N, C-alpha and C. Protein backbone atom coordinates (compact mmCIF):
# COMPACT_ATOMS: atom_id res chain seq x y z
N MET A 1 83.90 -110.29 50.48
CA MET A 1 83.49 -111.69 50.59
C MET A 1 84.91 -112.98 50.28
N SER A 2 84.39 -113.38 51.03
CA SER A 2 85.88 -114.48 51.06
C SER A 2 85.82 -115.44 49.78
N THR A 3 87.10 -115.59 49.99
CA THR A 3 87.66 -116.00 48.72
C THR A 3 87.88 -117.57 48.89
N SER A 4 87.71 -117.90 49.48
CA SER A 4 88.48 -119.73 50.53
C SER A 4 87.38 -120.26 51.47
N HIS A 5 87.79 -121.48 51.14
CA HIS A 5 86.99 -122.24 51.94
C HIS A 5 86.82 -122.09 53.66
N VAL A 6 85.70 -121.66 54.01
CA VAL A 6 85.66 -121.20 55.93
C VAL A 6 86.60 -122.49 56.27
N ALA A 7 87.15 -122.32 57.63
CA ALA A 7 87.90 -123.22 58.48
C ALA A 7 86.64 -123.54 59.71
N GLN A 8 86.17 -124.55 59.39
CA GLN A 8 84.76 -125.29 60.54
C GLN A 8 85.66 -125.79 61.77
N GLU A 9 84.18 -125.24 62.71
CA GLU A 9 84.46 -125.56 63.97
C GLU A 9 83.83 -127.15 64.30
N PRO A 10 83.92 -128.47 64.79
CA PRO A 10 82.93 -128.98 64.71
C PRO A 10 81.76 -129.19 64.93
N MET A 11 80.48 -130.06 64.65
CA MET A 11 79.53 -129.73 65.10
C MET A 11 79.78 -130.18 66.63
N PHE A 12 78.37 -129.30 67.48
CA PHE A 12 78.04 -129.79 68.33
C PHE A 12 77.81 -131.52 68.57
N LEU A 13 77.55 -132.08 67.73
CA LEU A 13 76.71 -134.07 67.97
C LEU A 13 78.06 -134.74 67.02
N ARG A 14 79.21 -134.80 67.62
CA ARG A 14 79.54 -135.72 67.32
C ARG A 14 79.40 -136.99 67.04
N GLY A 15 78.67 -137.38 67.53
CA GLY A 15 78.31 -138.64 67.06
C GLY A 15 77.67 -138.58 65.87
N VAL A 16 76.95 -137.53 65.21
CA VAL A 16 76.29 -137.73 64.21
C VAL A 16 77.39 -137.06 63.31
N GLU A 17 77.17 -136.22 63.31
CA GLU A 17 79.16 -136.14 62.87
C GLU A 17 79.79 -136.85 62.07
N ASP A 18 79.73 -137.90 62.71
CA ASP A 18 81.22 -139.26 62.80
C ASP A 18 80.03 -140.26 62.04
N ASN A 19 79.23 -140.29 61.85
CA ASN A 19 78.27 -141.38 62.24
C ASN A 19 77.65 -141.59 60.02
N PRO A 20 78.01 -141.27 59.47
CA PRO A 20 77.23 -141.09 58.28
C PRO A 20 76.87 -142.58 57.99
N LYS A 21 75.38 -142.63 57.20
CA LYS A 21 74.76 -143.81 56.90
C LYS A 21 74.52 -144.01 55.73
N PRO A 22 74.79 -145.01 54.44
CA PRO A 22 75.30 -144.79 53.44
C PRO A 22 73.64 -143.81 52.25
N SER A 23 73.99 -143.00 52.28
CA SER A 23 72.85 -142.20 51.37
C SER A 23 74.16 -141.00 50.78
N VAL A 24 73.20 -140.97 49.50
CA VAL A 24 73.49 -139.31 49.13
C VAL A 24 74.12 -138.59 49.22
N TYR A 25 73.99 -137.80 50.98
CA TYR A 25 74.90 -137.56 51.84
C TYR A 25 76.07 -138.09 52.08
N ARG A 26 76.55 -138.79 52.35
CA ARG A 26 77.54 -139.79 52.90
C ARG A 26 78.40 -139.71 51.53
N ASP A 27 78.04 -140.18 50.64
CA ASP A 27 78.18 -139.85 48.96
C ASP A 27 79.51 -138.27 48.79
N LEU A 28 78.14 -137.52 49.38
CA LEU A 28 78.87 -136.00 49.48
C LEU A 28 79.82 -135.20 50.18
N ILE A 29 79.49 -136.00 51.22
CA ILE A 29 80.50 -135.51 52.64
C ILE A 29 81.53 -136.63 52.11
N GLU A 30 82.17 -138.07 51.95
CA GLU A 30 83.29 -138.24 50.82
C GLU A 30 83.65 -137.40 50.28
N SER A 31 82.83 -137.12 48.79
CA SER A 31 83.04 -136.47 47.61
C SER A 31 84.60 -134.84 48.30
N ALA A 32 83.74 -134.59 49.21
CA ALA A 32 83.76 -133.27 49.42
C ALA A 32 85.02 -133.39 50.84
N LYS A 33 85.31 -134.68 51.04
CA LYS A 33 87.08 -134.28 51.88
C LYS A 33 88.07 -135.32 51.07
N SER A 34 87.55 -135.98 49.67
CA SER A 34 88.83 -136.29 48.91
C SER A 34 89.15 -135.15 47.76
N SER A 35 88.37 -133.65 47.71
CA SER A 35 88.37 -132.48 45.95
C SER A 35 88.62 -131.42 48.13
N GLY A 36 89.19 -131.73 48.88
CA GLY A 36 88.75 -130.89 49.58
C GLY A 36 88.27 -129.33 49.69
N GLY A 37 86.84 -130.20 48.81
CA GLY A 37 85.52 -129.02 49.02
C GLY A 37 85.26 -128.40 49.87
N ASP A 38 84.18 -127.16 49.73
CA ASP A 38 83.25 -127.15 51.02
C ASP A 38 82.67 -127.81 51.79
N SER A 39 82.46 -128.44 53.28
CA SER A 39 82.08 -129.68 54.25
C SER A 39 80.61 -128.65 54.79
N TRP A 40 79.67 -129.40 53.71
CA TRP A 40 78.63 -128.82 54.61
C TRP A 40 78.10 -130.06 55.33
N GLN A 41 78.12 -128.83 56.83
CA GLN A 41 78.13 -130.06 58.36
C GLN A 41 76.06 -130.15 57.80
N ILE A 42 76.04 -129.31 57.18
CA ILE A 42 73.91 -130.39 57.27
C ILE A 42 74.15 -131.63 56.46
N TRP A 43 74.35 -131.75 55.36
CA TRP A 43 74.35 -133.38 55.23
C TRP A 43 75.05 -134.63 56.17
N HIS A 44 75.46 -134.14 57.02
CA HIS A 44 75.54 -134.62 57.96
C HIS A 44 74.53 -135.17 59.21
N LEU A 45 73.47 -134.15 59.15
CA LEU A 45 72.21 -134.64 59.70
C LEU A 45 71.44 -135.22 58.50
N LEU A 46 72.11 -135.17 57.73
CA LEU A 46 70.84 -134.87 57.03
C LEU A 46 70.93 -137.05 56.88
N ALA A 47 72.63 -136.82 56.11
CA ALA A 47 73.14 -138.74 56.30
C ALA A 47 73.03 -139.43 57.48
N PHE A 48 72.63 -139.19 58.57
CA PHE A 48 72.41 -139.61 60.23
C PHE A 48 71.49 -140.67 59.88
N ASP A 49 70.32 -140.24 59.30
CA ASP A 49 68.37 -140.16 59.00
C ASP A 49 68.88 -140.31 57.71
N PRO A 50 69.15 -141.10 56.70
CA PRO A 50 68.72 -140.58 55.75
C PRO A 50 66.93 -140.91 55.14
N GLU A 51 65.93 -141.81 55.91
CA GLU A 51 64.69 -142.04 55.76
C GLU A 51 64.30 -140.17 55.99
N ALA A 52 65.05 -139.79 57.04
CA ALA A 52 63.80 -139.31 57.39
C ALA A 52 64.52 -137.90 56.05
N ALA A 53 65.31 -137.93 56.00
CA ALA A 53 65.78 -136.80 54.88
C ALA A 53 65.52 -137.01 54.17
N HIS A 54 65.04 -137.94 53.53
CA HIS A 54 64.10 -138.12 51.82
C HIS A 54 62.86 -137.48 51.78
N HIS A 55 62.29 -137.39 53.88
CA HIS A 55 61.17 -136.96 53.62
C HIS A 55 60.91 -135.40 53.70
N LEU A 56 61.81 -134.90 54.64
CA LEU A 56 61.96 -133.59 54.32
C LEU A 56 63.22 -133.21 53.71
N ALA A 57 63.11 -133.82 52.55
CA ALA A 57 63.40 -133.51 51.30
C ALA A 57 62.15 -132.88 49.92
N ALA A 58 61.28 -133.80 50.41
CA ALA A 58 60.46 -133.51 50.04
C ALA A 58 59.19 -132.86 49.83
N LEU A 59 59.07 -132.96 51.43
CA LEU A 59 58.19 -131.85 51.99
C LEU A 59 58.95 -130.04 51.49
N SER A 60 60.56 -130.20 52.43
CA SER A 60 60.77 -128.42 51.24
C SER A 60 60.22 -128.61 50.17
N HIS A 61 60.56 -129.41 49.40
CA HIS A 61 61.16 -128.86 48.13
C HIS A 61 58.88 -128.64 47.62
N THR A 62 58.69 -129.49 47.66
CA THR A 62 56.74 -129.17 47.94
C THR A 62 56.68 -127.82 47.87
N LEU A 63 56.49 -127.45 49.52
CA LEU A 63 55.91 -126.46 50.24
C LEU A 63 57.25 -124.97 49.46
N MET A 64 58.09 -125.26 48.98
CA MET A 64 59.52 -123.76 48.35
C MET A 64 59.04 -123.60 46.80
N HIS A 65 59.02 -124.75 46.37
CA HIS A 65 58.72 -124.99 44.45
C HIS A 65 57.97 -125.39 43.56
N ASN A 66 56.94 -126.08 44.32
CA ASN A 66 55.44 -125.88 43.99
C ASN A 66 55.82 -124.66 43.60
N GLU A 67 54.17 -125.25 42.69
CA GLU A 67 53.56 -124.20 41.94
C GLU A 67 52.55 -123.66 42.81
N CYS A 68 52.45 -122.29 43.42
CA CYS A 68 51.79 -121.19 44.32
C CYS A 68 51.49 -120.75 44.82
N PRO A 69 50.19 -119.26 44.85
CA PRO A 69 50.57 -118.55 45.23
C PRO A 69 51.56 -117.47 45.36
N ILE A 70 52.39 -117.94 46.09
CA ILE A 70 53.81 -117.17 46.30
C ILE A 70 54.92 -117.92 45.03
N SER A 71 55.16 -117.00 44.42
CA SER A 71 56.48 -117.63 43.94
C SER A 71 57.44 -118.35 44.63
N PRO A 72 57.87 -119.16 43.93
CA PRO A 72 59.49 -119.42 44.55
C PRO A 72 60.78 -118.65 45.12
N GLY A 73 60.76 -117.51 44.54
CA GLY A 73 62.03 -116.39 44.79
C GLY A 73 61.14 -115.65 46.11
N LEU A 74 60.12 -115.82 46.14
CA LEU A 74 59.61 -114.85 47.67
C LEU A 74 59.52 -116.00 48.47
N ARG A 75 59.30 -116.99 47.94
CA ARG A 75 58.56 -117.80 49.53
C ARG A 75 60.67 -118.43 49.99
N GLU A 76 61.15 -118.18 49.36
CA GLU A 76 62.66 -118.46 49.51
C GLU A 76 63.39 -116.53 50.21
N LEU A 77 62.80 -116.08 50.02
CA LEU A 77 62.97 -114.91 50.76
C LEU A 77 62.59 -114.82 51.99
N ILE A 78 60.96 -114.98 52.19
CA ILE A 78 60.71 -115.58 53.64
C ILE A 78 62.12 -116.81 54.55
N ALA A 79 62.35 -117.95 53.91
CA ALA A 79 63.32 -118.68 54.70
C ALA A 79 63.96 -117.58 54.89
N ALA A 80 65.00 -117.09 54.82
CA ALA A 80 66.06 -116.32 54.44
C ALA A 80 65.76 -115.32 55.37
N TYR A 81 64.42 -114.64 55.41
CA TYR A 81 64.06 -113.10 56.45
C TYR A 81 63.78 -114.05 57.51
N THR A 82 62.84 -115.20 57.82
CA THR A 82 62.83 -116.48 59.08
C THR A 82 63.74 -116.02 59.64
N SER A 83 64.65 -116.64 59.35
CA SER A 83 66.39 -117.35 59.88
C SER A 83 66.66 -115.79 60.44
N SER A 84 66.97 -114.84 59.55
CA SER A 84 67.69 -113.86 59.69
C SER A 84 66.68 -113.85 61.08
N LEU A 85 65.39 -113.31 61.84
CA LEU A 85 64.80 -113.83 62.75
C LEU A 85 65.29 -113.98 63.94
N ASN A 86 65.21 -115.31 63.89
CA ASN A 86 65.99 -116.06 64.44
C ASN A 86 67.44 -116.35 64.55
N GLN A 87 68.45 -115.52 64.24
CA GLN A 87 70.08 -114.93 63.71
C GLN A 87 71.02 -116.42 64.03
N CYS A 88 70.13 -117.64 62.86
CA CYS A 88 70.62 -118.25 62.18
C CYS A 88 71.15 -118.12 60.67
N GLU A 89 72.80 -117.95 60.69
CA GLU A 89 73.39 -117.61 59.64
C GLU A 89 73.66 -117.98 58.85
N PHE A 90 73.83 -119.65 59.14
CA PHE A 90 73.55 -120.50 57.65
C PHE A 90 72.46 -120.63 56.71
N CYS A 91 71.22 -120.99 57.18
CA CYS A 91 70.06 -120.69 56.35
C CYS A 91 70.34 -119.37 55.96
N MET A 92 70.62 -118.79 56.64
CA MET A 92 70.00 -117.38 56.01
C MET A 92 70.38 -117.10 55.51
N LYS A 93 72.09 -117.68 55.19
CA LYS A 93 73.09 -117.00 53.97
C LYS A 93 72.86 -118.00 52.78
N ALA A 94 72.45 -119.15 53.18
CA ALA A 94 71.38 -120.12 51.86
C ALA A 94 70.84 -119.96 51.48
N HIS A 95 69.36 -119.34 52.21
CA HIS A 95 68.56 -119.09 51.17
C HIS A 95 68.21 -117.55 50.81
N ALA A 96 68.98 -116.50 50.93
CA ALA A 96 69.80 -114.93 50.74
C ALA A 96 69.85 -115.34 49.05
N ALA A 97 70.85 -116.29 49.66
CA ALA A 97 71.79 -116.67 47.71
C ALA A 97 70.22 -117.26 46.67
N VAL A 98 69.24 -117.87 47.33
CA VAL A 98 68.84 -119.18 46.51
C VAL A 98 67.90 -118.23 45.82
N SER A 99 67.26 -117.02 47.02
CA SER A 99 66.31 -115.84 46.54
C SER A 99 67.12 -115.13 45.86
N ALA A 100 68.18 -114.89 46.49
CA ALA A 100 68.99 -113.25 45.35
C ALA A 100 68.66 -114.65 43.89
N LYS A 101 68.56 -115.66 44.29
CA LYS A 101 69.05 -116.06 41.76
C LYS A 101 67.47 -115.98 41.45
N LEU A 102 66.77 -116.71 41.64
CA LEU A 102 65.42 -115.75 41.68
C LEU A 102 65.02 -115.12 41.35
N LEU A 103 64.91 -113.82 42.33
CA LEU A 103 64.51 -112.44 42.10
C LEU A 103 65.62 -111.55 40.95
N GLY A 104 66.73 -112.51 41.06
CA GLY A 104 67.87 -111.94 40.20
C GLY A 104 68.16 -110.28 40.46
N ASP A 105 68.08 -110.35 42.19
CA ASP A 105 68.12 -108.90 42.90
C ASP A 105 69.05 -109.12 43.99
N GLU A 106 69.66 -109.40 44.28
CA GLU A 106 70.55 -109.85 45.80
C GLU A 106 70.90 -108.61 46.32
N SER A 107 70.27 -107.32 46.14
CA SER A 107 71.19 -106.25 46.65
C SER A 107 69.56 -106.27 47.95
N LEU A 108 68.24 -106.18 46.91
CA LEU A 108 67.07 -106.66 47.58
C LEU A 108 66.95 -107.19 48.23
N VAL A 109 67.30 -108.44 47.99
CA VAL A 109 66.79 -110.05 49.15
C VAL A 109 68.37 -109.13 50.87
N TRP A 110 69.01 -108.25 50.48
CA TRP A 110 70.09 -108.17 51.46
C TRP A 110 69.32 -106.95 52.85
N SER A 111 68.47 -106.03 51.45
CA SER A 111 68.21 -104.97 51.86
C SER A 111 66.32 -105.74 52.79
N VAL A 112 65.71 -106.74 52.38
CA VAL A 112 64.56 -106.49 53.30
C VAL A 112 65.19 -107.54 54.49
N ILE A 113 66.50 -108.00 54.58
CA ILE A 113 66.85 -108.96 55.92
C ILE A 113 68.01 -107.56 56.21
N HIS A 114 68.17 -106.90 56.45
CA HIS A 114 68.98 -105.72 57.29
C HIS A 114 67.74 -104.77 57.29
N ASP A 115 67.19 -104.70 57.10
CA ASP A 115 65.70 -103.37 57.56
C ASP A 115 64.85 -103.76 56.42
N LEU A 116 63.83 -104.47 56.80
CA LEU A 116 62.61 -104.36 56.15
C LEU A 116 61.61 -103.55 55.58
N GLU A 117 61.31 -102.37 56.64
CA GLU A 117 60.81 -101.30 56.79
C GLU A 117 61.18 -100.52 55.56
N SER A 118 62.67 -99.77 55.15
CA SER A 118 63.05 -99.00 54.44
C SER A 118 63.27 -100.00 52.91
N SER A 119 63.50 -101.35 53.13
CA SER A 119 63.78 -101.94 51.77
C SER A 119 62.54 -101.33 50.69
N SER A 120 63.42 -101.65 49.19
CA SER A 120 62.50 -101.17 48.68
C SER A 120 61.38 -102.09 48.62
N ILE A 121 61.67 -103.45 48.67
CA ILE A 121 60.30 -104.87 48.42
C ILE A 121 59.13 -103.37 48.20
N ASP A 122 57.79 -104.34 47.83
CA ASP A 122 56.20 -102.99 47.47
C ASP A 122 55.95 -103.32 49.00
N GLU A 123 54.83 -102.58 49.10
CA GLU A 123 53.94 -102.68 50.64
C GLU A 123 52.88 -104.53 50.64
N LYS A 124 52.69 -104.40 49.60
CA LYS A 124 52.04 -105.81 49.25
C LYS A 124 52.88 -106.87 50.15
N GLN A 125 54.44 -106.89 49.38
CA GLN A 125 55.60 -108.09 50.06
C GLN A 125 55.53 -108.05 51.42
N LYS A 126 55.30 -106.29 51.35
CA LYS A 126 55.90 -106.03 53.18
C LYS A 126 54.92 -106.42 54.15
N ALA A 127 54.22 -106.51 53.96
CA ALA A 127 52.72 -106.88 54.71
C ALA A 127 53.17 -108.25 55.16
N LEU A 128 52.87 -109.15 53.97
CA LEU A 128 53.15 -110.20 53.97
C LEU A 128 54.51 -110.97 55.41
N LEU A 129 55.92 -110.11 54.84
CA LEU A 129 56.75 -110.67 55.83
C LEU A 129 56.92 -110.09 57.09
N ARG A 130 56.18 -108.77 57.19
CA ARG A 130 55.88 -108.85 59.17
C ARG A 130 54.90 -109.94 59.32
N PHE A 131 54.21 -110.25 58.87
CA PHE A 131 53.68 -111.82 59.23
C PHE A 131 54.00 -112.69 59.24
N VAL A 132 54.79 -113.16 58.33
CA VAL A 132 56.01 -113.88 58.65
C VAL A 132 56.61 -113.20 59.99
N ARG A 133 56.90 -112.14 60.22
CA ARG A 133 58.26 -112.12 61.85
C ARG A 133 57.11 -111.99 62.18
N LYS A 134 55.74 -112.14 62.88
CA LYS A 134 55.49 -111.99 64.11
C LYS A 134 54.33 -113.51 63.95
N VAL A 135 54.71 -114.27 63.27
CA VAL A 135 54.32 -115.94 62.97
C VAL A 135 55.82 -117.04 63.73
N THR A 136 57.26 -116.13 63.15
CA THR A 136 58.05 -116.85 63.86
C THR A 136 57.91 -116.06 65.45
N LEU A 137 57.93 -115.18 65.14
CA LEU A 137 58.67 -114.20 67.36
C LEU A 137 57.52 -114.64 68.03
N ALA A 138 56.46 -114.18 67.50
CA ALA A 138 54.76 -114.28 68.73
C ALA A 138 53.96 -115.12 67.65
N PRO A 139 53.66 -115.83 67.31
CA PRO A 139 53.13 -117.65 67.28
C PRO A 139 51.19 -117.30 67.68
N ALA A 140 51.94 -117.16 68.96
CA ALA A 140 50.59 -117.26 69.79
C ALA A 140 49.40 -116.43 70.25
N SER A 141 49.56 -114.88 69.77
CA SER A 141 49.31 -113.66 69.95
C SER A 141 48.37 -113.45 68.20
N ILE A 142 48.67 -114.36 67.24
CA ILE A 142 47.89 -114.05 65.86
C ILE A 142 46.69 -114.57 66.07
N THR A 143 45.75 -113.74 65.32
CA THR A 143 44.56 -113.58 65.48
C THR A 143 43.98 -113.42 64.02
N ALA A 144 42.37 -113.73 63.99
CA ALA A 144 42.82 -113.61 62.86
C ALA A 144 42.04 -112.44 61.56
N ALA A 145 42.08 -111.72 62.76
CA ALA A 145 42.89 -110.17 62.70
C ALA A 145 43.96 -109.81 61.18
N ASP A 146 45.01 -110.83 61.67
CA ASP A 146 45.95 -110.70 61.43
C ASP A 146 46.04 -110.88 60.09
N THR A 147 45.04 -112.73 59.43
CA THR A 147 45.05 -113.11 58.10
C THR A 147 44.01 -111.81 57.58
N GLY A 148 43.27 -111.30 58.31
CA GLY A 148 42.20 -110.59 57.63
C GLY A 148 43.09 -109.16 56.91
N GLU A 149 43.88 -108.67 57.51
CA GLU A 149 45.09 -107.54 57.18
C GLU A 149 45.26 -108.06 55.68
N LEU A 150 46.04 -109.54 55.64
CA LEU A 150 46.44 -109.61 54.54
C LEU A 150 45.76 -110.17 53.54
N ASN A 151 44.19 -110.50 53.79
CA ASN A 151 43.88 -110.54 52.59
C ASN A 151 43.00 -109.14 52.59
N ALA A 152 43.48 -107.53 52.79
CA ALA A 152 42.89 -106.71 52.43
C ALA A 152 44.21 -106.03 51.41
N ALA A 153 45.43 -107.07 51.77
CA ALA A 153 46.34 -106.28 51.21
C ALA A 153 46.51 -107.21 49.60
N GLY A 154 45.25 -108.23 49.88
CA GLY A 154 45.63 -108.10 48.29
C GLY A 154 46.01 -110.08 48.05
N TRP A 155 46.40 -110.73 50.01
CA TRP A 155 46.74 -111.95 49.80
C TRP A 155 45.62 -113.01 50.31
N ASP A 156 45.43 -114.05 49.09
CA ASP A 156 44.56 -114.89 49.35
C ASP A 156 44.87 -116.00 50.81
N ASP A 157 43.93 -117.35 51.33
CA ASP A 157 43.96 -118.05 51.66
C ASP A 157 45.21 -118.92 51.34
N GLY A 158 44.99 -119.61 50.52
CA GLY A 158 45.73 -120.22 49.91
C GLY A 158 47.79 -119.78 50.21
N ALA A 159 46.95 -118.28 49.67
CA ALA A 159 49.35 -117.73 50.00
C ALA A 159 49.45 -117.47 51.87
N ILE A 160 48.62 -116.98 52.10
CA ILE A 160 48.61 -116.83 53.27
C ILE A 160 49.03 -118.76 54.44
N PHE A 161 48.56 -119.52 53.42
CA PHE A 161 48.63 -120.91 54.08
C PHE A 161 49.97 -120.85 53.44
N TYR A 162 50.61 -120.82 52.09
CA TYR A 162 52.34 -121.13 52.03
C TYR A 162 53.19 -120.48 52.39
N ALA A 163 52.61 -119.02 52.86
CA ALA A 163 54.24 -118.62 54.00
C ALA A 163 53.82 -118.83 54.84
N ILE A 164 53.61 -118.97 55.51
CA ILE A 164 53.35 -119.51 56.54
C ILE A 164 53.95 -121.11 56.97
N SER A 165 53.75 -121.95 55.86
CA SER A 165 54.17 -123.27 55.79
C SER A 165 55.47 -122.52 55.68
N ALA A 166 56.07 -122.37 55.09
CA ALA A 166 57.89 -121.69 54.48
C ALA A 166 58.47 -121.32 55.57
N CYS A 167 57.00 -120.54 56.52
CA CYS A 167 57.99 -119.84 57.85
C CYS A 167 58.23 -121.23 58.68
N ALA A 168 57.12 -121.93 59.53
CA ALA A 168 57.01 -122.89 59.65
C ALA A 168 58.42 -123.75 59.83
N LEU A 169 58.66 -123.85 58.05
CA LEU A 169 59.95 -125.15 57.94
C LEU A 169 61.16 -124.63 57.74
N PHE A 170 60.75 -122.91 58.34
CA PHE A 170 62.45 -122.52 58.21
C PHE A 170 62.65 -122.67 59.78
N ASN A 171 61.55 -122.04 60.72
CA ASN A 171 61.86 -122.12 61.91
C ASN A 171 62.66 -123.36 62.30
N PHE A 172 61.47 -124.32 62.20
CA PHE A 172 62.17 -126.03 62.22
C PHE A 172 63.89 -125.66 61.44
N TYR A 173 64.58 -125.76 60.32
CA TYR A 173 65.83 -125.71 60.28
C TYR A 173 66.62 -125.51 60.67
N ASN A 174 66.01 -123.31 60.99
CA ASN A 174 67.30 -122.77 61.64
C ASN A 174 67.48 -123.19 63.29
N ARG A 175 66.39 -123.80 63.90
CA ARG A 175 66.53 -124.70 65.85
C ARG A 175 67.61 -126.39 65.40
N TRP A 176 66.70 -126.48 63.95
CA TRP A 176 67.73 -128.29 63.69
C TRP A 176 69.34 -127.80 64.06
N VAL A 177 69.51 -127.26 62.66
CA VAL A 177 70.70 -126.41 62.88
C VAL A 177 71.91 -125.76 63.41
N SER A 178 71.24 -124.91 64.20
CA SER A 178 71.70 -123.93 65.09
C SER A 178 72.10 -125.22 66.52
N ALA A 179 71.07 -125.59 66.71
CA ALA A 179 71.44 -126.65 67.76
C ALA A 179 72.71 -127.53 67.64
N SER A 180 71.77 -128.11 66.68
CA SER A 180 73.44 -128.78 66.18
C SER A 180 74.51 -129.04 65.62
N GLY A 181 74.91 -127.40 65.56
CA GLY A 181 76.03 -127.02 65.54
C GLY A 181 76.81 -126.71 64.31
N VAL A 182 75.70 -126.47 63.40
CA VAL A 182 76.12 -126.16 62.02
C VAL A 182 76.95 -125.29 61.34
N HIS A 183 77.58 -124.87 60.89
CA HIS A 183 78.56 -123.89 60.40
C HIS A 183 78.70 -123.54 59.15
N PRO A 184 78.45 -121.92 58.93
CA PRO A 184 78.51 -121.48 57.86
C PRO A 184 80.05 -122.17 56.71
N VAL A 185 79.15 -122.12 55.46
CA VAL A 185 80.78 -122.12 54.68
C VAL A 185 80.81 -121.38 54.18
N SER A 186 81.42 -120.87 52.66
CA SER A 186 82.01 -120.07 52.44
C SER A 186 81.29 -119.19 51.70
N ASP A 187 81.41 -117.67 50.90
CA ASP A 187 80.17 -116.40 50.50
C ASP A 187 80.04 -117.57 49.44
N GLU A 188 81.33 -118.18 48.28
CA GLU A 188 81.11 -118.67 47.38
C GLU A 188 80.27 -119.72 47.23
N ALA A 189 80.03 -120.66 48.09
CA ALA A 189 80.01 -121.69 48.53
C ALA A 189 78.33 -121.79 48.57
N PHE A 190 78.26 -120.22 49.05
CA PHE A 190 76.45 -120.29 49.50
C PHE A 190 75.94 -120.34 47.89
N LYS A 191 77.11 -119.24 47.30
CA LYS A 191 76.09 -118.31 45.91
C LYS A 191 76.07 -119.85 45.18
N ARG A 192 76.34 -121.15 45.16
CA ARG A 192 76.75 -122.25 44.23
C ARG A 192 75.32 -123.14 44.31
N LEU A 193 75.21 -122.92 46.07
CA LEU A 193 74.04 -123.58 46.66
C LEU A 193 72.81 -123.09 45.76
N GLY A 194 73.18 -121.67 45.85
CA GLY A 194 71.68 -120.44 45.56
C GLY A 194 71.37 -120.60 43.70
N SER A 195 72.64 -121.07 42.93
CA SER A 195 72.42 -121.44 41.97
C SER A 195 71.32 -123.20 41.27
N ARG A 196 71.86 -123.48 41.79
CA ARG A 196 72.10 -125.68 42.05
C ARG A 196 69.99 -125.00 42.27
N PHE A 197 69.63 -124.08 43.66
CA PHE A 197 68.39 -125.17 44.47
C PHE A 197 67.21 -123.93 43.99
N ALA A 198 68.14 -123.26 42.93
CA ALA A 198 67.36 -122.02 42.13
C ALA A 198 67.04 -122.63 40.89
N THR A 199 67.20 -124.16 40.59
CA THR A 199 67.20 -124.49 39.13
C THR A 199 66.40 -125.81 39.70
N THR A 200 66.89 -126.70 40.14
CA THR A 200 66.75 -127.86 40.43
C THR A 200 65.75 -128.16 42.08
N GLY A 201 65.57 -127.29 43.00
CA GLY A 201 65.18 -127.36 44.40
C GLY A 201 65.47 -128.10 45.59
N TYR A 202 65.35 -128.94 46.21
CA TYR A 202 65.82 -129.31 47.54
C TYR A 202 66.25 -131.08 46.88
N ALA A 203 64.96 -131.53 46.13
CA ALA A 203 65.51 -133.19 45.68
C ALA A 203 67.19 -133.21 45.48
N ARG A 204 67.47 -134.38 45.82
CA ARG A 204 67.61 -135.27 45.16
C ARG A 204 68.49 -136.74 44.49
């Protein structure tokens, strides 16, 4: 694992990266620059339109951390797994760290990301993550039979709603981050993020 800051290439959207608007995210950017800390390029996306960022953070916190039939740890695992399917390294590492903190098992989280079928996660959760894979890779092929299989596996429709919502949210984030040229930070910084998100969620 890395023990130092990751040297980052510029984002693809230099006009966004160079123009943060007054916001908590611009404050974070300036603090990182002055201290030499890790630079989270996603802050530049959020700082470019703080109003949109406010609504996005509120939606993310509601879908990922409010009480629902799926634990926050499993929802974060859905986020990491979805991101792995989309080959979004930034989101995959970020939310693997959050899930590992919430579930208390980093090796389990990475085993799911590397090979769902051989992982030690239980069969009920595997069924949900197989569905998430289909939502990500072939959404137009989903039928009532797919949700019926989840009902048979023990997931009610409320749980399926939140699984779809978490998966859809991170399909958005993966495309937003990857197409804008957001690069990963150090492994240590991702772990710090995992600890903070596990405690406070997405709100700033």
